[in-house]
């Protein structure tokens, strides 16, 4: 730790990196689980939102009164 890299250039300019800490645990599985959960949540949310909108439309009551029929 505390190692400092040689200066290097990228498209964003010049950089020097200092190693502050090392991660001991492998978090790859956690990241994959979180990504899968997010995908399922978004899919389920969209499905539920569509179902809710369909229920709202089905429950809506609209009465169209033609003005000419009132005059008769």
PDB file of N, CA and C in Angstrom:
ATOM      1  N   UNK A   1       0.851  -1.187   0.000  1.00  0.00           N
ATOM      2  CA  UNK A   1       0.000   0.000   0.000  1.00  0.00           C
ATOM      3  C   UNK A   1       0.884   1.233   0.000  1.00  0.00           C
ATOM      4  N   UNK A   2       0.309   2.321  -0.445  1.00  0.00           N
ATOM      5  CA  UNK A   2       1.063   3.556  -0.526  1.00  0.00           C
ATOM      6  C   UNK A   2       1.884   3.662  -1.797  1.00  0.00           C
ATOM      7  N   UNK A   3       1.784   2.647  -2.663  1.00  0.00           N
ATOM      8  CA  UNK A   3       2.540   2.661  -3.915  1.00  0.00           C
ATOM      9  C   UNK A   3       2.001   3.762  -4.832  1.00  0.00           C
ATOM     10  N   UNK A   4       2.903   4.401  -5.558  1.00  0.00           N
ATOM     11  CA  UNK A   4       2.528   5.474  -6.479  1.00  0.00           C
ATOM     12  C   UNK A   4       2.963   5.088  -7.880  1.00  0.00           C
ATOM     13  N   UNK A   5       2.039   5.239  -8.827  1.00  0.00           N
ATOM     14  CA  UNK A   5       2.331   4.866 -10.211  1.00  0.00           C
ATOM     15  C   UNK A   5       3.182   5.924 -10.890  1.00  0.00           C
ATOM     16  N   UNK A   6       3.724   5.534 -12.017  1.00  0.00           N
ATOM     17  CA  UNK A   6       4.398   6.501 -12.881  1.00  0.00           C
ATOM     18  C   UNK A   6       3.327   7.368 -13.536  1.00  0.00           C
ATOM     19  N   UNK A   7       3.608   8.603 -13.848  1.00  0.00           N
ATOM     20  CA  UNK A   7       2.620   9.434 -14.544  1.00  0.00           C
ATOM     21  C   UNK A   7       2.259   8.798 -15.891  1.00  0.00           C
ATOM     22  N   UNK A   8       0.978   8.874 -16.229  1.00  0.00           N
ATOM     23  CA  UNK A   8       0.534   8.357 -17.526  1.00  0.00           C
ATOM     24  C   UNK A   8      -0.545   9.277 -18.064  1.00  0.00           C
ATOM     25  N   UNK A   9      -0.668   9.268 -19.381  1.00  0.00           N
ATOM     26  CA  UNK A   9      -1.599  10.164 -20.051  1.00  0.00           C
ATOM     27  C   UNK A   9      -2.789   9.373 -20.575  1.00  0.00           C
ATOM     28  N   UNK A  10      -3.984   9.963 -20.431  1.00  0.00           N
ATOM     29  CA  UNK A  10      -5.199   9.398 -21.016  1.00  0.00           C
ATOM     30  C   UNK A  10      -5.876  10.503 -21.817  1.00  0.00           C
ATOM     31  N   UNK A  11      -7.035  10.203 -22.371  1.00  0.00           N
ATOM     32  CA  UNK A  11      -7.765  11.216 -23.130  1.00  0.00           C
ATOM     33  C   UNK A  11      -8.214  12.365 -22.226  1.00  0.00           C
ATOM     34  N   UNK A  12      -8.181  12.140 -20.903  1.00  0.00           N
ATOM     35  CA  UNK A  12      -8.617  13.170 -19.951  1.00  0.00           C
ATOM     36  C   UNK A  12      -7.457  13.984 -19.381  1.00  0.00           C
ATOM     37  N   UNK A  13      -6.240  13.638 -19.736  1.00  0.00           N
ATOM     38  CA  UNK A  13      -5.081  14.378 -19.253  1.00  0.00           C
ATOM     39  C   UNK A  13      -4.068  13.443 -18.602  1.00  0.00           C
ATOM     40  N   UNK A  14      -3.180  14.013 -17.802  1.00  0.00           N
ATOM     41  CA  UNK A  14      -2.133  13.252 -17.123  1.00  0.00           C
ATOM     42  C   UNK A  14      -2.629  12.798 -15.761  1.00  0.00           C
ATOM     43  N   UNK A  15      -2.175  11.601 -15.326  1.00  0.00           N
ATOM     44  CA  UNK A  15      -2.643  11.033 -14.066  1.00  0.00           C
ATOM     45  C   UNK A  15      -1.493  10.393 -13.311  1.00  0.00           C
ATOM     46  N   UNK A  16      -1.620  10.402 -11.989  1.00  0.00           N
ATOM     47  CA  UNK A  16      -0.746   9.654 -11.091  1.00  0.00           C
ATOM     48  C   UNK A  16      -1.675   8.970 -10.103  1.00  0.00           C
ATOM     49  N   UNK A  17      -1.479   7.686  -9.898  1.00  0.00           N
ATOM     50  CA  UNK A  17      -2.365   6.927  -9.022  1.00  0.00           C
ATOM     51  C   UNK A  17      -1.595   6.469  -7.792  1.00  0.00           C
ATOM     52  N   UNK A  18      -2.259   6.629  -6.626  1.00  0.00           N
ATOM     53  CA  UNK A  18      -1.690   6.145  -5.375  1.00  0.00           C
ATOM     54  C   UNK A  18      -2.611   5.064  -4.814  1.00  0.00           C
ATOM     55  N   UNK A  19      -2.033   3.896  -4.485  1.00  0.00           N
ATOM     56  CA  UNK A  19      -2.786   2.791  -3.915  1.00  0.00           C
ATOM     57  C   UNK A  19      -3.027   3.073  -2.435  1.00  0.00           C
ATOM     58  N   UNK A  20      -4.289   3.224  -2.067  1.00  0.00           N
ATOM     59  CA  UNK A  20      -4.633   3.532  -0.682  1.00  0.00           C
ATOM     60  C   UNK A  20      -5.005   2.289   0.123  1.00  0.00           C
ATOM     61  N   UNK A  21      -5.672   1.334  -0.522  1.00  0.00           N
ATOM     62  CA  UNK A  21      -6.144   0.157   0.199  1.00  0.00           C
ATOM     63  C   UNK A  21      -6.377  -0.967  -0.797  1.00  0.00           C
ATOM     64  N   UNK A  22      -6.380  -2.195  -0.295  1.00  0.00           N
ATOM     65  CA  UNK A  22      -6.673  -3.350  -1.134  1.00  0.00           C
ATOM     66  C   UNK A  22      -7.907  -4.043  -0.581  1.00  0.00           C
ATOM     67  N   UNK A  23      -8.752  -4.501  -1.497  1.00  0.00           N
ATOM     68  CA  UNK A  23      -9.948  -5.235  -1.126  1.00  0.00           C
ATOM     69  C   UNK A  23      -9.582  -6.712  -0.997  1.00  0.00           C
ATOM     70  N   UNK A  24      -9.964  -7.287   0.125  1.00  0.00           N
ATOM     71  CA  UNK A  24      -9.632  -8.682   0.371  1.00  0.00           C
ATOM     72  C   UNK A  24     -10.746  -9.599  -0.150  1.00  0.00           C
ATOM     73  N   UNK A  25     -11.999  -9.223   0.063  1.00  0.00           N
ATOM     74  CA  UNK A  25     -13.133 -10.063  -0.324  1.00  0.00           C
ATOM     75  C   UNK A  25     -13.450  -9.905  -1.804  1.00  0.00           C
ATOM     76  N   UNK A  26     -13.870 -11.014  -2.420  1.00  0.00           N
ATOM     77  CA  UNK A  26     -14.301 -10.981  -3.810  1.00  0.00           C
ATOM     78  C   UNK A  26     -15.788 -10.658  -3.823  1.00  0.00           C
ATOM     79  N   UNK A  27     -16.158  -9.502  -4.352  1.00  0.00           N
ATOM     80  CA  UNK A  27     -17.544  -9.031  -4.346  1.00  0.00           C
ATOM     81  C   UNK A  27     -18.260  -9.325  -5.663  1.00  0.00           C
ATOM     82  N   UNK A  28     -17.659 -10.119  -6.538  1.00  0.00           N
ATOM     83  CA  UNK A  28     -18.228 -10.386  -7.853  1.00  0.00           C
ATOM     84  C   UNK A  28     -19.621 -10.992  -7.747  1.00  0.00           C
ATOM     85  N   UNK A  29     -19.799 -11.963  -6.860  1.00  0.00           N
ATOM     86  CA  UNK A  29     -21.091 -12.630  -6.716  1.00  0.00           C
ATOM     87  C   UNK A  29     -22.151 -11.657  -6.203  1.00  0.00           C
ATOM     88  N   UNK A  30     -21.787 -10.812  -5.251  1.00  0.00           N
ATOM     89  CA  UNK A  30     -22.735  -9.817  -4.734  1.00  0.00           C
ATOM     90  C   UNK A  30     -23.177  -8.854  -5.825  1.00  0.00           C
ATOM     91  N   UNK A  31     -22.247  -8.429  -6.652  1.00  0.00           N
ATOM     92  CA  UNK A  31     -22.569  -7.508  -7.744  1.00  0.00           C
ATOM     93  C   UNK A  31     -23.516  -8.182  -8.725  1.00  0.00           C
ATOM     94  N   UNK A  32     -23.263  -9.433  -9.053  1.00  0.00           N
ATOM     95  CA  UNK A  32     -24.133 -10.162  -9.984  1.00  0.00           C
ATOM     96  C   UNK A  32     -25.530 -10.327  -9.396  1.00  0.00           C
ATOM     97  N   UNK A  33     -25.624 -10.642  -8.106  1.00  0.00           N
ATOM     98  CA  UNK A  33     -26.930 -10.789  -7.448  1.00  0.00           C
ATOM     99  C   UNK A  33     -27.689  -9.473  -7.454  1.00  0.00           C
ATOM    100  N   UNK A  34     -26.997  -8.375  -7.143  1.00  0.00           N
ATOM    101  CA  UNK A  34     -27.645  -7.063  -7.139  1.00  0.00           C
ATOM    102  C   UNK A  34     -28.132  -6.672  -8.530  1.00  0.00           C
ATOM    103  N   UNK A  35     -27.352  -6.969  -9.540  1.00  0.00           N
ATOM    104  CA  UNK A  35     -27.750  -6.658 -10.914  1.00  0.00           C
ATOM    105  C   UNK A  35     -28.984  -7.473 -11.310  1.00  0.00           C
ATOM    106  N   UNK A  36     -29.001  -8.759 -10.966  1.00  0.00           N
ATOM    107  CA  UNK A  36     -30.147  -9.613 -11.281  1.00  0.00           C
ATOM    108  C   UNK A  36     -31.393  -9.133 -10.539  1.00  0.00           C
ATOM    109  N   UNK A  37     -31.234  -8.784  -9.276  1.00  0.00           N
ATOM    110  CA  UNK A  37     -32.374  -8.274  -8.494  1.00  0.00           C
ATOM    111  C   UNK A  37     -32.943  -7.010  -9.127  1.00  0.00           C
ATOM    112  N   UNK A  38     -32.070  -6.107  -9.524  1.00  0.00           N
ATOM    113  CA  UNK A  38     -32.518  -4.854 -10.150  1.00  0.00           C
ATOM    114  C   UNK A  38     -33.277  -5.115 -11.440  1.00  0.00           C
ATOM    115  N   UNK A  39     -32.774  -6.030 -12.253  1.00  0.00           N
ATOM    116  CA  UNK A  39     -33.450  -6.351 -13.517  1.00  0.00           C
ATOM    117  C   UNK A  39     -34.834  -6.933 -13.257  1.00  0.00           C
ATOM    118  N   UNK A  40     -34.922  -7.871 -12.311  1.00  0.00           N
ATOM    119  CA  UNK A  40     -36.213  -8.479 -11.986  1.00  0.00           C
ATOM    120  C   UNK A  40     -37.177  -7.454 -11.396  1.00  0.00           C
ATOM    121  N   UNK A  41     -36.662  -6.575 -10.536  1.00  0.00           N
ATOM    122  CA  UNK A  41     -37.511  -5.553  -9.920  1.00  0.00           C
ATOM    123  C   UNK A  41     -38.091  -4.631 -10.984  1.00  0.00           C
ATOM    124  N   UNK A  42     -37.242  -4.159 -11.914  1.00  0.00           N
ATOM    125  CA  UNK A  42     -37.724  -3.263 -12.970  1.00  0.00           C
ATOM    126  C   UNK A  42     -38.768  -3.953 -13.842  1.00  0.00           C
ATOM    127  N   UNK A  43     -38.510  -5.210 -14.193  1.00  0.00           N
ATOM    128  CA  UNK A  43     -39.454  -5.951 -15.028  1.00  0.00           C
ATOM    129  C   UNK A  43     -40.789  -6.123 -14.301  1.00  0.00           C
ATOM    130  N   UNK A  44     -40.740  -6.521 -13.044  1.00  0.00           N
ATOM    131  CA  UNK A  44     -41.962  -6.730 -12.265  1.00  0.00           C
ATOM    132  C   UNK A  44     -42.690  -5.402 -12.061  1.00  0.00           C
ATOM    133  N   UNK A  45     -41.948  -4.338 -11.808  1.00  0.00           N
ATOM    134  CA  UNK A  45     -42.552  -3.024 -11.620  1.00  0.00           C
ATOM    135  C   UNK A  45     -43.298  -2.602 -12.878  1.00  0.00           C
ATOM    136  N   UNK A  46     -42.670  -2.770 -14.038  1.00  0.00           N
ATOM    137  CA  UNK A  46     -43.320  -2.395 -15.297  1.00  0.00           C
ATOM    138  C   UNK A  46     -44.577  -3.218 -15.547  1.00  0.00           C
ATOM    139  N   UNK A  47     -44.502  -4.530 -15.249  1.00  0.00           N
ATOM    140  CA  UNK A  47     -45.681  -5.388 -15.415  1.00  0.00           C
ATOM    141  C   UNK A  47     -46.815  -4.919 -14.507  1.00  0.00           C
ATOM    142  N   UNK A  48     -46.497  -4.642 -13.267  1.00  0.00           N
ATOM    143  CA  UNK A  48     -47.518  -4.208 -12.305  1.00  0.00           C
ATOM    144  C   UNK A  48     -48.090  -2.846 -12.682  1.00  0.00           C
ATOM    145  N   UNK A  49     -47.261  -1.953 -13.190  1.00  0.00           N
ATOM    146  CA  UNK A  49     -47.740  -0.632 -13.606  1.00  0.00           C
ATOM    147  C   UNK A  49     -48.717  -0.770 -14.774  1.00  0.00           C
ATOM    148  N   UNK A  50     -48.420  -1.638 -15.723  1.00  0.00           N
ATOM    149  CA  UNK A  50     -49.320  -1.857 -16.857  1.00  0.00           C
ATOM    150  C   UNK A  50     -50.646  -2.460 -16.395  1.00  0.00           C
ATOM    151  N   UNK A  51     -50.581  -3.410 -15.473  1.00  0.00           N
ATOM    152  CA  UNK A  51     -51.805  -4.018 -14.925  1.00  0.00           C
ATOM    153  C   UNK A  51     -52.651  -2.964 -14.228  1.00  0.00           C
ATOM    154  N   UNK A  52     -52.019  -2.118 -13.456  1.00  0.00           N
ATOM    155  CA  UNK A  52     -52.730  -1.055 -12.732  1.00  0.00           C
ATOM    156  C   UNK A  52     -53.410  -0.091 -13.703  1.00  0.00           C
ATOM    157  N   UNK A  53     -52.695   0.289 -14.769  1.00  0.00           N
ATOM    158  CA  UNK A  53     -53.281   1.184 -15.769  1.00  0.00           C
ATOM    159  C   UNK A  53     -54.475   0.532 -16.457  1.00  0.00           C
ATOM    160  N   UNK A  54     -54.379  -0.749 -16.766  1.00  0.00           N
ATOM    161  CA  UNK A  54     -55.503  -1.454 -17.385  1.00  0.00           C
ATOM    162  C   UNK A  54     -56.710  -1.484 -16.450  1.00  0.00           C
ATOM    163  N   UNK A  55     -56.458  -1.699 -15.154  1.00  0.00           N
ATOM    164  CA  UNK A  55     -57.553  -1.709 -14.177  1.00  0.00           C
ATOM    165  C   UNK A  55     -58.201  -0.329 -14.074  1.00  0.00           C
ATOM    166  N   UNK A  56     -57.375   0.718 -14.096  1.00  0.00           N
ATOM    167  CA  UNK A  56     -57.924   2.081 -14.049  1.00  0.00           C
ATOM    168  C   UNK A  56     -58.800   2.362 -15.260  1.00  0.00           C
ATOM    169  N   UNK A  57     -58.321   1.966 -16.433  1.00  0.00           N
ATOM    170  CA  UNK A  57     -59.099   2.194 -17.656  1.00  0.00           C
ATOM    171  C   UNK A  57     -60.402   1.399 -17.634  1.00  0.00           C
ATOM    172  N   UNK A  58     -60.341   0.170 -17.146  1.00  0.00           N
ATOM    173  CA  UNK A  58     -61.538  -0.670 -17.098  1.00  0.00           C
ATOM    174  C   UNK A  58     -62.564  -0.111 -16.112  1.00  0.00           C
ATOM    175  N   UNK A  59     -62.093   0.518 -15.051  1.00  0.00           N
ATOM    176  CA  UNK A  59     -63.002   1.041 -14.030  1.00  0.00           C
ATOM    177  C   UNK A  59     -63.529   2.438 -14.362  1.00  0.00           C
ATOM    178  N   UNK A  60     -62.944   3.070 -15.369  1.00  0.00           N
ATOM    179  CA  UNK A  60     -63.364   4.429 -15.723  1.00  0.00           C
ATOM    180  C   UNK A  60     -64.759   4.407 -16.347  1.00  0.00           C
ATOM    181  N   UNK A  61     -65.566   5.393 -15.997  1.00  0.00           N
ATOM    182  CA  UNK A  61     -66.911   5.502 -16.546  1.00  0.00           C
ATOM    183  C   UNK A  61     -66.998   6.821 -17.286  1.00  0.00           C
ATOM    184  N   UNK A  62     -67.303   6.747 -18.557  1.00  0.00           N
ATOM    185  CA  UNK A  62     -67.419   7.944 -19.375  1.00  0.00           C
ATOM    186  C   UNK A  62     -68.783   7.914 -20.038  1.00  0.00           C
ATOM    187  N   UNK A  63     -69.534   8.984 -19.863  1.00  0.00           N
ATOM    188  CA  UNK A  63     -70.840   9.080 -20.497  1.00  0.00           C
ATOM    189  C   UNK A  63     -70.765  10.181 -21.532  1.00  0.00           C
ATOM    190  N   UNK A  64     -71.073   9.835 -22.766  1.00  0.00           N
ATOM    191  CA  UNK A  64     -71.028  10.789 -23.859  1.00  0.00           C
ATOM    192  C   UNK A  64     -72.472  11.154 -24.202  1.00  0.00           C
ATOM    193  N   UNK A  65     -72.836  12.379 -23.923  1.00  0.00           N
ATOM    194  CA  UNK A  65     -74.199  12.839 -24.190  1.00  0.00           C
ATOM    195  C   UNK A  65     -74.159  13.713 -25.428  1.00  0.00           C
ATOM    196  N   UNK A  66     -74.919  13.318 -26.420  1.00  0.00           N
ATOM    197  CA  UNK A  66     -75.008  14.062 -27.661  1.00  0.00           C
ATOM    198  C   UNK A  66     -75.985  15.217 -27.464  1.00  0.00           C
ATOM    199  N   UNK A  67     -75.574  16.427 -27.763  1.00  0.00           N
ATOM    200  CA  UNK A  67     -76.427  17.594 -27.540  1.00  0.00           C
ATOM    201  C   UNK A  67     -77.725  17.548 -28.345  1.00  0.00           C
ATOM    202  N   UNK A  68     -77.702  16.965 -29.539  1.00  0.00           N
ATOM    203  CA  UNK A  68     -78.886  16.880 -30.365  1.00  0.00           C
ATOM    204  C   UNK A  68     -79.937  15.972 -29.739  1.00  0.00           C
ATOM    205  N   UNK A  69     -79.527  14.933 -29.060  1.00  0.00           N
ATOM    206  CA  UNK A  69     -80.509  14.027 -28.448  1.00  0.00           C
ATOM    207  C   UNK A  69     -81.226  14.693 -27.283  1.00  0.00           C
ATOM    208  N   UNK A  70     -80.612  15.706 -26.644  1.00  0.00           N
ATOM    209  CA  UNK A  70     -81.255  16.423 -25.542  1.00  0.00           C
ATOM    210  C   UNK A  70     -82.350  17.356 -26.054  1.00  0.00           C
ATOM    211  N   UNK A  71     -82.244  17.824 -27.286  1.00  0.00           N
ATOM    212  CA  UNK A  71     -83.193  18.782 -27.838  1.00  0.00           C
ATOM    213  C   UNK A  71     -84.489  18.100 -28.243  1.00  0.00           C
ATOM    214  N   UNK A  72     -84.515  16.819 -28.472  1.00  0.00           N
ATOM    215  CA  UNK A  72     -85.700  16.096 -28.938  1.00  0.00           C
ATOM    216  C   UNK A  72     -86.703  15.903 -27.883  1.00  0.00           C
TER     217      UNK A  72
END
